[in-house]
Protein backbone atom coordinates (compact mmCIF):
# COMPACT_ATOMS: atom_id res chain seq x y z
CA MET A 1 -0.26 -19.64 19.46
CA THR A 2 -0.59 -17.96 16.10
CA ASP A 3 2.20 -18.01 13.56
CA LEU A 4 2.85 -14.74 11.80
CA ASN A 5 4.26 -14.82 8.33
CA MET A 6 4.96 -11.33 7.06
CA ASP A 7 6.98 -10.13 4.12
CA GLU A 8 9.89 -7.87 4.87
CA SER A 9 8.58 -4.77 6.61
CA HIS A 10 9.82 -2.38 3.93
CA ARG A 11 7.75 -4.28 1.35
CA VAL A 12 4.64 -4.20 3.53
CA ASN A 13 5.13 -0.46 4.12
CA ALA A 14 5.68 0.15 0.40
CA ALA A 15 2.39 -1.61 -0.37
CA ALA A 16 0.60 0.53 2.23
CA HIS A 17 2.10 3.70 0.73
CA GLY A 18 1.01 2.51 -2.72
CA PHE A 19 -2.53 2.08 -1.40
CA THR A 20 -2.50 5.61 0.04
CA GLY A 21 -1.20 7.00 -3.24
CA ALA A 22 -3.91 5.19 -5.20
CA VAL A 23 -6.66 6.51 -2.93
CA THR A 24 -5.32 10.05 -3.25
CA SER A 25 -5.11 9.74 -7.02
CA TYR A 26 -8.61 8.35 -7.43
CA THR A 27 -10.20 10.81 -5.02
CA GLY A 28 -8.64 13.59 -7.09
CA LYS A 29 -10.15 12.08 -10.23
CA ALA A 30 -13.53 11.72 -8.53
CA LYS A 31 -13.49 15.39 -7.60
CA ALA A 32 -12.73 16.34 -11.21
CA VAL A 33 -15.56 14.14 -12.51
CA VAL A 34 -18.05 15.62 -10.04
CA GLN A 35 -17.05 19.11 -11.07
CA GLU A 36 -17.76 18.15 -14.68
CA LEU A 37 -21.29 17.01 -13.84
CA ALA A 38 -23.51 19.71 -15.20
CA PRO A 39 -27.02 19.81 -16.49
CA ILE A 40 -27.31 19.45 -20.24
CA HIS A 41 -29.75 22.35 -20.36
CA ARG A 42 -31.36 24.81 -18.03
CA ALA A 43 -34.07 23.34 -15.81
CA GLN A 44 -37.41 23.80 -17.52
CA SER A 45 -39.74 21.63 -15.48
CA GLU A 46 -40.38 20.16 -12.03
CA LEU A 47 -38.64 16.99 -13.19
CA ASP A 48 -35.59 18.98 -14.32
CA ASN A 49 -35.51 20.78 -10.96
CA GLY A 50 -35.75 17.48 -9.10
CA LEU A 51 -33.00 15.98 -11.22
CA GLU A 52 -30.76 18.98 -10.55
CA LYS A 53 -31.29 18.59 -6.79
CA VAL A 54 -30.33 14.92 -6.96
CA ARG A 55 -27.27 15.70 -9.12
CA HIS A 56 -26.20 18.32 -6.60
CA TRP A 57 -26.72 15.89 -3.70
CA ILE A 58 -24.66 13.16 -5.42
CA GLY A 59 -21.82 15.57 -6.13
CA LYS A 60 -21.83 16.99 -2.60
CA THR A 61 -21.88 13.50 -1.08
CA ILE A 62 -18.86 12.44 -3.13
CA ILE A 63 -16.91 15.66 -2.53
CA ASP A 64 -17.65 15.51 1.21
CA ALA A 65 -16.38 11.91 1.37
CA ILE A 66 -13.02 12.66 -0.26
CA PRO A 67 -11.18 14.11 2.79
CA ARG A 68 -12.43 11.24 4.96
CA ALA A 69 -11.22 8.65 2.43
CA GLN A 70 -7.84 10.35 2.23
CA ARG A 71 -7.51 10.49 6.04
CA ARG A 72 -8.42 6.81 6.35
CA ALA A 73 -5.89 5.84 3.69
CA GLN A 74 -3.18 7.86 5.45
CA ALA A 75 -4.13 6.33 8.80
CA THR A 76 -3.90 2.86 7.26
CA SER A 77 -0.39 3.59 6.03
CA GLU A 78 0.69 5.02 9.40
CA HIS A 79 -0.82 2.07 11.28
CA THR A 80 0.97 -0.34 8.96
CA GLU A 81 4.32 1.35 9.60
CA HIS A 82 3.74 1.32 13.36
CA THR A 83 2.69 -2.34 13.35
CA THR A 84 5.56 -3.56 11.17
CA GLY A 85 7.96 -1.60 13.37
CA ALA A 86 6.56 -3.31 16.45
CA PHE A 87 6.82 -6.74 14.78
CA ASP A 88 10.40 -6.03 13.74
CA ALA A 89 11.30 -4.97 17.28
CA GLU A 90 9.74 -8.10 18.76
CA ASP A 91 11.45 -10.27 16.16
CA THR A 92 14.82 -8.70 16.98
CA ALA A 93 14.26 -9.08 20.71
CA GLY A 94 13.24 -12.72 20.25
CA ALA A 95 16.29 -13.44 18.12
CA GLN A 96 18.56 -11.91 20.77
CA GLN A 97 16.90 -14.04 23.45
CA VAL A 98 17.37 -17.20 21.40
CA HIS A 99 20.99 -16.26 20.71
CA ARG A 100 21.70 -15.68 24.45
CA THR A 101 20.12 -18.99 25.52
CA SER A 102 21.83 -21.04 22.82
CA VAL A 103 25.35 -19.73 23.42
């Protein structure tokens, strides 16, 4: 049997919401930084063209990952709320059972 020691569910849920807020904030900042990435000068050589392709790929990769990161953070928060709710319900049911058998 495993013992579960959990803080009060509202504190656990608040931490999960804080995590989701942080992810949303930082993904917004990442998008702004990527949009600021620009070549210092117009491409003038094969190397410049290659560098511009890589810069574009890096920016696209980051921008494309943002919605997925936000969805995962939101899913984490929702899963946390669901799980703490289930633990609270089981805890309440167990307490009622103990109360009935000890009376």
